[in-house]
Amino acid sequence: MDHTNPSSGTEPEMPQSPFAPISGLLEILMVIFLVLILGWGGSHVAQLIAQSGGYGLEELVSSLADNNTLQNRNLVRFANLAIHLMSFTLPCLLLAFFVRRSKWYEYLSLDKVINSKTILLSVLLILVAMPFTSLTYWINMQIPLPEWAQTIEEDATVMINALLTMDSPMELILNLLIIALVPAIGEELLF
């Protein structure tokens, strides 16, 4: 049976399912569920990584200021890696595989080729956004924080400074992988 339109010679468009908006909402709910469940699992994996060094995760992070050894820095790095992989990357890959099976990479738009115009516009956007980013940072620093938030901020600063201590090129490579590359890919897949 021929389904072409006799007047135009083209095939008619397939009608969109009345459930299309619901399926999009269902996908969003599924990824939120996966992020929460796998993120919880990632925090437990991070806890196991810290325990392999004889610490609890909070104890390890808070002790970095006093005991900034290569082993402790690497424990925090790998705990961070586990949390990022399980909170961002893995939920997206699982959802894409569940929704599209063999075409999961298309679902995540990994089949797209980046052209030079897109790269140039991205660089230009970053340069134009820098003054606004600096202004936002300055405004943020002017807002007084409650004591509990200051404590969290100080702990995060200590951890970041400890992780940025690098005694070898291998630590630089680990930092680039764990602090820059993995979170960037995972967050882009999610959003």
N, C-alpha and C. Protein backbone atom coordinates (compact mmCIF):
# COMPACT_ATOMS: atom_id res chain seq x y z
N MET A 1 0.83 -1.17 0.00
CA MET A 1 0.00 0.00 0.00
C MET A 1 0.88 1.24 0.00
N ASP A 2 0.63 2.16 -0.90
CA ASP A 2 1.43 3.36 -1.04
C ASP A 2 0.83 4.46 -0.17
N HIS A 3 1.70 5.07 0.65
CA HIS A 3 1.23 6.13 1.56
C HIS A 3 1.66 7.52 1.10
N THR A 4 1.93 7.68 -0.17
CA THR A 4 2.35 9.00 -0.64
C THR A 4 1.14 9.86 -0.92
N ASN A 5 1.32 11.13 -0.81
CA ASN A 5 0.28 12.09 -1.09
C ASN A 5 0.22 12.24 -2.61
N PRO A 6 -0.90 11.90 -3.24
CA PRO A 6 -0.96 11.94 -4.70
C PRO A 6 -0.78 13.33 -5.27
N SER A 7 -1.17 14.37 -4.55
CA SER A 7 -1.06 15.72 -5.11
C SER A 7 0.37 16.24 -5.07
N SER A 8 1.17 15.86 -4.04
CA SER A 8 2.53 16.39 -3.96
C SER A 8 3.58 15.34 -4.26
N GLY A 9 3.26 14.07 -4.18
CA GLY A 9 4.22 13.00 -4.44
C GLY A 9 5.16 12.75 -3.26
N THR A 10 4.89 13.36 -2.11
CA THR A 10 5.75 13.16 -0.94
C THR A 10 5.00 12.33 0.09
N GLU A 11 5.77 11.73 0.97
CA GLU A 11 5.14 10.96 2.03
C GLU A 11 4.61 11.93 3.09
N PRO A 12 3.44 11.63 3.65
CA PRO A 12 2.90 12.51 4.70
C PRO A 12 3.72 12.39 5.97
N GLU A 13 3.72 13.45 6.77
CA GLU A 13 4.43 13.42 8.05
C GLU A 13 3.72 12.49 9.00
N MET A 14 4.53 11.80 9.82
CA MET A 14 3.95 10.92 10.82
C MET A 14 3.33 11.79 11.90
N PRO A 15 2.11 11.48 12.31
CA PRO A 15 1.50 12.30 13.38
C PRO A 15 2.28 12.12 14.67
N GLN A 16 2.45 13.20 15.39
CA GLN A 16 3.16 13.15 16.66
C GLN A 16 2.26 12.50 17.70
N SER A 17 2.88 11.70 18.53
CA SER A 17 2.13 11.00 19.58
C SER A 17 1.56 12.01 20.56
N PRO A 18 0.32 11.80 21.01
CA PRO A 18 -0.25 12.70 22.01
C PRO A 18 0.48 12.58 23.35
N PHE A 19 1.31 11.53 23.51
CA PHE A 19 2.04 11.33 24.76
C PHE A 19 3.46 11.88 24.69
N ALA A 20 3.83 12.57 23.61
CA ALA A 20 5.20 13.08 23.44
C ALA A 20 5.62 13.99 24.60
N PRO A 21 4.81 14.96 25.03
CA PRO A 21 5.25 15.79 26.17
C PRO A 21 5.41 14.97 27.45
N ILE A 22 4.57 13.97 27.62
CA ILE A 22 4.67 13.13 28.81
C ILE A 22 5.95 12.32 28.77
N SER A 23 6.31 11.82 27.58
CA SER A 23 7.54 11.02 27.50
C SER A 23 8.76 11.88 27.80
N GLY A 24 8.75 13.15 27.38
CA GLY A 24 9.86 14.05 27.71
C GLY A 24 9.93 14.30 29.20
N LEU A 25 8.77 14.50 29.82
CA LEU A 25 8.72 14.68 31.27
C LEU A 25 9.17 13.41 31.98
N LEU A 26 8.77 12.27 31.45
CA LEU A 26 9.18 11.00 32.04
C LEU A 26 10.70 10.83 31.97
N GLU A 27 11.29 11.24 30.86
CA GLU A 27 12.75 11.16 30.73
C GLU A 27 13.43 12.05 31.76
N ILE A 28 12.92 13.25 31.97
CA ILE A 28 13.49 14.16 32.96
C ILE A 28 13.37 13.56 34.35
N LEU A 29 12.21 13.00 34.67
CA LEU A 29 12.02 12.38 35.98
C LEU A 29 12.94 11.17 36.15
N MET A 30 13.12 10.41 35.08
CA MET A 30 14.01 9.25 35.15
C MET A 30 15.45 9.67 35.41
N VAL A 31 15.92 10.71 34.73
CA VAL A 31 17.30 11.13 34.93
C VAL A 31 17.48 11.72 36.32
N ILE A 32 16.49 12.43 36.83
CA ILE A 32 16.58 12.95 38.20
C ILE A 32 16.66 11.78 39.19
N PHE A 33 15.82 10.78 38.98
CA PHE A 33 15.85 9.60 39.85
C PHE A 33 17.21 8.92 39.78
N LEU A 34 17.74 8.74 38.56
CA LEU A 34 19.05 8.10 38.41
C LEU A 34 20.16 8.92 39.05
N VAL A 35 20.11 10.24 38.90
CA VAL A 35 21.12 11.11 39.51
C VAL A 35 21.08 10.98 41.03
N LEU A 36 19.89 10.97 41.60
CA LEU A 36 19.78 10.86 43.06
C LEU A 36 20.26 9.49 43.55
N ILE A 37 19.80 8.42 42.93
CA ILE A 37 20.15 7.08 43.38
C ILE A 37 21.63 6.80 43.15
N LEU A 38 22.12 7.08 41.95
CA LEU A 38 23.53 6.80 41.66
C LEU A 38 24.45 7.78 42.39
N GLY A 39 24.00 9.01 42.60
CA GLY A 39 24.78 9.96 43.39
C GLY A 39 24.94 9.48 44.82
N TRP A 40 23.86 8.94 45.37
CA TRP A 40 23.91 8.34 46.71
C TRP A 40 24.89 7.18 46.71
N GLY A 41 24.82 6.34 45.67
CA GLY A 41 25.77 5.23 45.55
C GLY A 41 27.19 5.72 45.40
N GLY A 42 27.37 6.80 44.64
CA GLY A 42 28.70 7.38 44.46
C GLY A 42 29.29 7.89 45.76
N SER A 43 28.43 8.46 46.61
CA SER A 43 28.94 8.93 47.90
C SER A 43 29.39 7.76 48.77
N HIS A 44 28.70 6.63 48.64
CA HIS A 44 29.12 5.44 49.39
C HIS A 44 30.42 4.86 48.83
N VAL A 45 30.58 4.89 47.51
CA VAL A 45 31.85 4.44 46.91
C VAL A 45 32.98 5.36 47.37
N ALA A 46 32.71 6.67 47.40
CA ALA A 46 33.72 7.63 47.87
C ALA A 46 34.08 7.35 49.32
N GLN A 47 33.08 7.00 50.12
CA GLN A 47 33.33 6.66 51.53
C GLN A 47 34.23 5.42 51.62
N LEU A 48 33.99 4.43 50.77
CA LEU A 48 34.83 3.22 50.75
C LEU A 48 36.26 3.54 50.33
N ILE A 49 36.41 4.46 49.37
CA ILE A 49 37.74 4.88 48.94
C ILE A 49 38.48 5.53 50.10
N ALA A 50 37.79 6.41 50.83
CA ALA A 50 38.41 7.06 51.98
C ALA A 50 38.76 6.05 53.06
N GLN A 51 37.89 5.08 53.27
CA GLN A 51 38.15 4.06 54.29
C GLN A 51 39.33 3.16 53.93
N SER A 52 39.62 3.04 52.62
CA SER A 52 40.79 2.24 52.23
C SER A 52 42.08 2.89 52.72
N GLY A 53 42.04 4.18 53.00
CA GLY A 53 43.19 4.88 53.56
C GLY A 53 43.11 5.04 55.08
N GLY A 54 42.08 4.45 55.68
CA GLY A 54 41.93 4.52 57.13
C GLY A 54 41.18 5.74 57.64
N TYR A 55 40.43 6.39 56.77
CA TYR A 55 39.70 7.61 57.14
C TYR A 55 38.23 7.45 56.81
N GLY A 56 37.42 8.30 57.41
CA GLY A 56 36.09 8.55 56.90
C GLY A 56 36.24 9.67 55.87
N LEU A 57 35.29 9.82 54.97
CA LEU A 57 35.42 10.82 53.90
C LEU A 57 35.53 12.23 54.47
N GLU A 58 34.66 12.61 55.40
CA GLU A 58 34.73 13.96 55.99
C GLU A 58 36.03 14.17 56.74
N GLU A 59 36.47 13.13 57.45
CA GLU A 59 37.73 13.21 58.19
C GLU A 59 38.91 13.39 57.23
N LEU A 60 38.88 12.68 56.11
CA LEU A 60 39.96 12.78 55.12
C LEU A 60 40.02 14.18 54.54
N VAL A 61 38.88 14.72 54.15
CA VAL A 61 38.85 16.06 53.55
C VAL A 61 39.29 17.10 54.57
N SER A 62 38.82 17.00 55.81
CA SER A 62 39.20 18.00 56.81
C SER A 62 40.65 17.86 57.25
N SER A 63 41.24 16.67 57.10
CA SER A 63 42.64 16.48 57.51
C SER A 63 43.63 16.89 56.43
N LEU A 64 43.15 17.25 55.24
CA LEU A 64 44.07 17.61 54.16
C LEU A 64 44.94 18.82 54.50
N ALA A 65 44.41 19.73 55.27
CA ALA A 65 45.18 20.92 55.62
C ALA A 65 46.42 20.55 56.43
N ASP A 66 46.30 19.58 57.32
CA ASP A 66 47.42 19.18 58.18
C ASP A 66 48.24 18.02 57.61
N ASN A 67 47.59 17.13 56.89
CA ASN A 67 48.23 15.92 56.41
C ASN A 67 48.10 15.83 54.89
N ASN A 68 48.75 16.75 54.21
CA ASN A 68 48.64 16.87 52.76
C ASN A 68 49.67 15.98 52.07
N THR A 69 49.46 14.66 52.17
CA THR A 69 50.37 13.71 51.53
C THR A 69 49.81 13.31 50.17
N LEU A 70 50.67 12.72 49.35
CA LEU A 70 50.25 12.25 48.04
C LEU A 70 49.13 11.23 48.17
N GLN A 71 49.24 10.32 49.13
CA GLN A 71 48.21 9.30 49.30
C GLN A 71 46.86 9.92 49.64
N ASN A 72 46.85 10.88 50.55
CA ASN A 72 45.59 11.53 50.94
C ASN A 72 45.01 12.34 49.78
N ARG A 73 45.87 13.05 49.06
CA ARG A 73 45.38 13.81 47.91
C ARG A 73 44.77 12.87 46.88
N ASN A 74 45.42 11.74 46.63
CA ASN A 74 44.89 10.79 45.64
C ASN A 74 43.59 10.14 46.12
N LEU A 75 43.48 9.88 47.41
CA LEU A 75 42.23 9.34 47.93
C LEU A 75 41.09 10.31 47.67
N VAL A 76 41.33 11.60 47.92
CA VAL A 76 40.29 12.61 47.68
C VAL A 76 40.00 12.72 46.19
N ARG A 77 41.04 12.66 45.36
CA ARG A 77 40.83 12.73 43.91
C ARG A 77 39.95 11.58 43.42
N PHE A 78 40.27 10.35 43.85
CA PHE A 78 39.50 9.20 43.37
C PHE A 78 38.10 9.17 43.97
N ALA A 79 37.94 9.66 45.18
CA ALA A 79 36.60 9.78 45.76
C ALA A 79 35.78 10.78 44.94
N ASN A 80 36.40 11.89 44.58
CA ASN A 80 35.76 12.90 43.75
C ASN A 80 35.39 12.32 42.39
N LEU A 81 36.28 11.53 41.81
CA LEU A 81 36.03 10.89 40.52
C LEU A 81 34.80 9.97 40.61
N ALA A 82 34.74 9.17 41.66
CA ALA A 82 33.60 8.25 41.83
C ALA A 82 32.29 9.02 41.93
N ILE A 83 32.30 10.10 42.69
CA ILE A 83 31.07 10.89 42.85
C ILE A 83 30.65 11.51 41.53
N HIS A 84 31.60 12.07 40.77
CA HIS A 84 31.24 12.69 39.49
C HIS A 84 30.75 11.67 38.48
N LEU A 85 31.44 10.55 38.37
CA LEU A 85 31.01 9.53 37.41
C LEU A 85 29.63 9.01 37.72
N MET A 86 29.37 8.76 39.00
CA MET A 86 28.09 8.16 39.36
C MET A 86 26.97 9.19 39.48
N SER A 87 27.29 10.45 39.67
CA SER A 87 26.25 11.47 39.80
C SER A 87 25.86 12.09 38.46
N PHE A 88 26.76 12.17 37.51
CA PHE A 88 26.48 12.84 36.25
C PHE A 88 26.58 11.92 35.04
N THR A 89 27.74 11.31 34.84
CA THR A 89 27.99 10.57 33.60
C THR A 89 27.16 9.30 33.51
N LEU A 90 27.23 8.46 34.51
CA LEU A 90 26.53 7.18 34.47
C LEU A 90 25.01 7.31 34.35
N PRO A 91 24.34 8.22 35.08
CA PRO A 91 22.89 8.35 34.89
C PRO A 91 22.51 8.71 33.45
N CYS A 92 23.30 9.58 32.81
CA CYS A 92 23.00 9.98 31.43
C CYS A 92 23.19 8.82 30.47
N LEU A 93 24.28 8.08 30.65
CA LEU A 93 24.52 6.93 29.78
C LEU A 93 23.44 5.87 29.95
N LEU A 94 23.04 5.61 31.19
CA LEU A 94 21.98 4.62 31.43
C LEU A 94 20.65 5.06 30.82
N LEU A 95 20.30 6.33 30.99
CA LEU A 95 19.06 6.82 30.42
C LEU A 95 19.10 6.73 28.89
N ALA A 96 20.21 7.14 28.29
CA ALA A 96 20.33 7.10 26.84
C ALA A 96 20.23 5.66 26.33
N PHE A 97 20.86 4.74 27.03
CA PHE A 97 20.78 3.34 26.62
C PHE A 97 19.36 2.81 26.79
N PHE A 98 18.70 3.19 27.86
CA PHE A 98 17.34 2.73 28.12
C PHE A 98 16.37 3.28 27.07
N VAL A 99 16.53 4.56 26.71
CA VAL A 99 15.60 5.20 25.78
C VAL A 99 15.88 4.80 24.33
N ARG A 100 17.15 4.72 23.94
CA ARG A 100 17.48 4.51 22.54
C ARG A 100 18.25 3.24 22.22
N ARG A 101 18.64 2.48 23.18
CA ARG A 101 19.40 1.24 23.02
C ARG A 101 20.62 1.44 22.12
N SER A 102 20.56 0.97 20.88
CA SER A 102 21.75 1.01 20.01
C SER A 102 22.06 2.40 19.49
N LYS A 103 21.17 3.35 19.61
CA LYS A 103 21.40 4.73 19.13
C LYS A 103 21.61 5.68 20.30
N TRP A 104 22.17 5.18 21.41
CA TRP A 104 22.36 5.99 22.61
C TRP A 104 23.23 7.20 22.34
N TYR A 105 24.22 7.06 21.48
CA TYR A 105 25.12 8.19 21.19
C TYR A 105 24.40 9.30 20.45
N GLU A 106 23.40 8.97 19.64
CA GLU A 106 22.61 10.00 18.96
C GLU A 106 21.74 10.73 19.98
N TYR A 107 21.18 9.99 20.92
CA TYR A 107 20.34 10.59 21.96
C TYR A 107 21.13 11.64 22.75
N LEU A 108 22.42 11.37 22.98
CA LEU A 108 23.28 12.30 23.72
C LEU A 108 23.99 13.29 22.80
N SER A 109 23.64 13.28 21.52
CA SER A 109 24.23 14.16 20.50
C SER A 109 25.74 13.99 20.38
N LEU A 110 26.22 12.78 20.59
CA LEU A 110 27.65 12.51 20.46
C LEU A 110 28.04 12.23 19.01
N ASP A 111 27.07 12.20 18.11
CA ASP A 111 27.35 11.96 16.70
C ASP A 111 27.55 13.26 15.92
N LYS A 112 27.44 14.39 16.60
CA LYS A 112 27.58 15.69 15.95
C LYS A 112 29.05 16.04 15.75
N VAL A 113 29.33 16.70 14.62
CA VAL A 113 30.68 17.16 14.33
C VAL A 113 30.75 18.65 14.67
N ILE A 114 31.77 19.03 15.41
CA ILE A 114 31.93 20.43 15.80
C ILE A 114 32.67 21.15 14.69
N ASN A 115 32.08 22.25 14.22
CA ASN A 115 32.75 23.01 13.15
C ASN A 115 33.52 24.18 13.75
N SER A 116 34.37 24.77 12.93
CA SER A 116 35.24 25.86 13.41
C SER A 116 34.43 27.10 13.80
N LYS A 117 33.29 27.33 13.16
CA LYS A 117 32.45 28.48 13.51
C LYS A 117 31.95 28.36 14.95
N THR A 118 31.54 27.15 15.34
CA THR A 118 31.06 26.93 16.70
C THR A 118 32.17 27.15 17.71
N ILE A 119 33.37 26.68 17.40
CA ILE A 119 34.51 26.88 18.29
C ILE A 119 34.82 28.36 18.43
N LEU A 120 34.84 29.07 17.33
CA LEU A 120 35.13 30.51 17.36
C LEU A 120 34.07 31.26 18.16
N LEU A 121 32.81 30.94 17.96
CA LEU A 121 31.74 31.60 18.72
C LEU A 121 31.83 31.26 20.21
N SER A 122 32.23 30.05 20.53
CA SER A 122 32.39 29.66 21.94
C SER A 122 33.49 30.47 22.61
N VAL A 123 34.61 30.61 21.93
CA VAL A 123 35.73 31.40 22.47
C VAL A 123 35.29 32.86 22.64
N LEU A 124 34.60 33.39 21.66
CA LEU A 124 34.12 34.77 21.73
C LEU A 124 33.15 34.95 22.89
N LEU A 125 32.26 33.99 23.08
CA LEU A 125 31.30 34.05 24.19
C LEU A 125 32.02 34.05 25.54
N ILE A 126 33.05 33.23 25.67
CA ILE A 126 33.82 33.18 26.91
C ILE A 126 34.48 34.53 27.18
N LEU A 127 35.08 35.11 26.15
CA LEU A 127 35.75 36.40 26.32
C LEU A 127 34.76 37.51 26.68
N VAL A 128 33.60 37.50 26.06
CA VAL A 128 32.59 38.52 26.35
C VAL A 128 32.01 38.32 27.75
N ALA A 129 31.90 37.07 28.18
CA ALA A 129 31.29 36.78 29.48
C ALA A 129 32.23 37.03 30.65
N MET A 130 33.53 37.11 30.42
CA MET A 130 34.49 37.25 31.53
C MET A 130 34.23 38.46 32.42
N PRO A 131 33.98 39.64 31.88
CA PRO A 131 33.70 40.77 32.79
C PRO A 131 32.45 40.55 33.65
N PHE A 132 31.41 39.94 33.07
CA PHE A 132 30.18 39.67 33.82
C PHE A 132 30.43 38.61 34.88
N THR A 133 31.25 37.63 34.56
CA THR A 133 31.60 36.60 35.54
C THR A 133 32.36 37.21 36.70
N SER A 134 33.30 38.09 36.39
CA SER A 134 34.06 38.76 37.44
C SER A 134 33.16 39.63 38.32
N LEU A 135 32.23 40.32 37.69
CA LEU A 135 31.29 41.15 38.45
C LEU A 135 30.43 40.28 39.37
N THR A 136 29.94 39.18 38.85
CA THR A 136 29.13 38.27 39.66
C THR A 136 29.93 37.72 40.83
N TYR A 137 31.19 37.37 40.59
CA TYR A 137 32.06 36.88 41.65
C TYR A 137 32.23 37.96 42.73
N TRP A 138 32.48 39.20 42.30
CA TRP A 138 32.67 40.30 43.25
C TRP A 138 31.40 40.52 44.09
N ILE A 139 30.23 40.50 43.43
CA ILE A 139 28.97 40.68 44.15
C ILE A 139 28.78 39.54 45.15
N ASN A 140 29.09 38.32 44.73
CA ASN A 140 28.96 37.16 45.60
C ASN A 140 29.85 37.29 46.83
N MET A 141 31.04 37.83 46.67
CA MET A 141 31.96 37.99 47.79
C MET A 141 31.49 39.08 48.77
N GLN A 142 30.61 39.98 48.32
CA GLN A 142 30.11 41.05 49.18
C GLN A 142 28.96 40.58 50.07
N ILE A 143 28.36 39.45 49.73
CA ILE A 143 27.21 38.96 50.49
C ILE A 143 27.71 38.26 51.76
N PRO A 144 27.27 38.71 52.92
CA PRO A 144 27.71 38.05 54.16
C PRO A 144 27.05 36.66 54.27
N LEU A 145 27.86 35.68 54.61
CA LEU A 145 27.37 34.31 54.74
C LEU A 145 27.16 33.96 56.21
N PRO A 146 26.20 33.08 56.48
CA PRO A 146 26.06 32.60 57.86
C PRO A 146 27.28 31.75 58.23
N GLU A 147 27.47 31.55 59.50
CA GLU A 147 28.67 30.84 59.98
C GLU A 147 28.82 29.45 59.38
N TRP A 148 27.72 28.69 59.28
CA TRP A 148 27.80 27.34 58.73
C TRP A 148 28.25 27.36 57.27
N ALA A 149 27.80 28.36 56.51
CA ALA A 149 28.21 28.47 55.10
C ALA A 149 29.67 28.88 54.99
N GLN A 150 30.13 29.75 55.90
CA GLN A 150 31.55 30.13 55.90
C GLN A 150 32.43 28.93 56.18
N THR A 151 31.99 28.07 57.09
CA THR A 151 32.75 26.86 57.42
C THR A 151 32.86 25.95 56.21
N ILE A 152 31.75 25.76 55.51
CA ILE A 152 31.76 24.93 54.30
C ILE A 152 32.68 25.55 53.25
N GLU A 153 32.60 26.85 53.09
CA GLU A 153 33.44 27.55 52.11
C GLU A 153 34.92 27.41 52.46
N GLU A 154 35.26 27.54 53.73
CA GLU A 154 36.65 27.40 54.16
C GLU A 154 37.16 25.98 53.96
N ASP A 155 36.32 24.98 54.27
CA ASP A 155 36.70 23.58 54.05
C ASP A 155 36.92 23.30 52.57
N ALA A 156 36.05 23.84 51.73
CA ALA A 156 36.19 23.65 50.29
C ALA A 156 37.48 24.30 49.78
N THR A 157 37.80 25.48 50.30
CA THR A 157 39.04 26.16 49.91
C THR A 157 40.26 25.35 50.31
N VAL A 158 40.25 24.80 51.52
CA VAL A 158 41.36 23.97 51.98
C VAL A 158 41.52 22.75 51.08
N MET A 159 40.40 22.10 50.74
CA MET A 159 40.46 20.92 49.89
C MET A 159 40.99 21.27 48.50
N ILE A 160 40.50 22.35 47.92
CA ILE A 160 40.94 22.75 46.58
C ILE A 160 42.43 23.08 46.60
N ASN A 161 42.88 23.83 47.60
CA ASN A 161 44.31 24.16 47.68
C ASN A 161 45.16 22.91 47.84
N ALA A 162 44.68 21.95 48.63
CA ALA A 162 45.42 20.69 48.81
C ALA A 162 45.48 19.91 47.51
N LEU A 163 44.37 19.86 46.79
CA LEU A 163 44.36 19.11 45.53
C LEU A 163 45.20 19.78 44.46
N LEU A 164 45.34 21.08 44.56
CA LEU A 164 46.16 21.79 43.57
C LEU A 164 47.65 21.73 43.90
N THR A 165 48.00 21.10 45.01
CA THR A 165 49.40 20.83 45.32
C THR A 165 49.82 19.65 44.46
N MET A 166 50.80 19.88 43.60
CA MET A 166 51.21 18.82 42.67
C MET A 166 52.73 18.69 42.72
N ASP A 167 53.19 17.48 43.04
CA ASP A 167 54.61 17.22 43.14
C ASP A 167 55.18 16.54 41.91
N SER A 168 54.31 16.18 40.95
CA SER A 168 54.80 15.48 39.76
C SER A 168 53.87 15.76 38.58
N PRO A 169 54.35 15.53 37.37
CA PRO A 169 53.48 15.69 36.19
C PRO A 169 52.28 14.73 36.23
N MET A 170 52.44 13.58 36.85
CA MET A 170 51.33 12.63 36.94
C MET A 170 50.17 13.21 37.75
N GLU A 171 50.48 13.97 38.79
CA GLU A 171 49.42 14.62 39.57
C GLU A 171 48.70 15.67 38.73
N LEU A 172 49.45 16.38 37.89
CA LEU A 172 48.82 17.35 36.98
C LEU A 172 47.85 16.64 36.05
N ILE A 173 48.27 15.51 35.49
CA ILE A 173 47.40 14.75 34.58
C ILE A 173 46.16 14.25 35.33
N LEU A 174 46.36 13.74 36.55
CA LEU A 174 45.21 13.29 37.35
C LEU A 174 44.25 14.44 37.63
N ASN A 175 44.80 15.60 37.98
CA ASN A 175 43.95 16.77 38.25
C ASN A 175 43.16 17.17 37.01
N LEU A 176 43.83 17.21 35.86
CA LEU A 176 43.14 17.58 34.62
C LEU A 176 42.02 16.59 34.31
N LEU A 177 42.29 15.31 34.54
CA LEU A 177 41.28 14.29 34.28
C LEU A 177 40.13 14.38 35.27
N ILE A 178 40.45 14.41 36.57
CA ILE A 178 39.43 14.29 37.61
C ILE A 178 38.72 15.61 37.92
N ILE A 179 39.44 16.72 37.87
CA ILE A 179 38.84 18.00 38.24
C ILE A 179 38.27 18.73 37.03
N ALA A 180 38.86 18.53 35.85
CA ALA A 180 38.43 19.28 34.68
C ALA A 180 37.63 18.43 33.67
N LEU A 181 38.21 17.35 33.19
CA LEU A 181 37.62 16.62 32.07
C LEU A 181 36.37 15.82 32.44
N VAL A 182 36.46 14.98 33.45
CA VAL A 182 35.32 14.12 33.81
C VAL A 182 34.09 14.94 34.22
N PRO A 183 34.22 15.94 35.10
CA PRO A 183 33.02 16.73 35.44
C PRO A 183 32.46 17.50 34.23
N ALA A 184 33.33 18.01 33.38
CA ALA A 184 32.85 18.76 32.22
C ALA A 184 32.05 17.86 31.29
N ILE A 185 32.54 16.67 31.02
CA ILE A 185 31.82 15.75 30.13
C ILE A 185 30.52 15.30 30.78
N GLY A 186 30.59 14.91 32.04
CA GLY A 186 29.38 14.45 32.72
C GLY A 186 28.30 15.51 32.80
N GLU A 187 28.68 16.73 33.13
CA GLU A 187 27.68 17.81 33.22
C GLU A 187 27.11 18.16 31.87
N GLU A 188 27.93 18.15 30.82
CA GLU A 188 27.43 18.42 29.48
C GLU A 188 26.45 17.33 29.04
N LEU A 189 26.76 16.08 29.35
CA LEU A 189 25.83 15.00 29.00
C LEU A 189 24.50 15.18 29.73
N LEU A 190 24.57 15.59 30.98
CA LEU A 190 23.35 15.76 31.77
C LEU A 190 22.50 16.91 31.25
N PHE A 191 23.13 18.05 30.99
CA PHE A 191 22.34 19.22 30.61
C PHE A 191 22.08 19.29 29.12
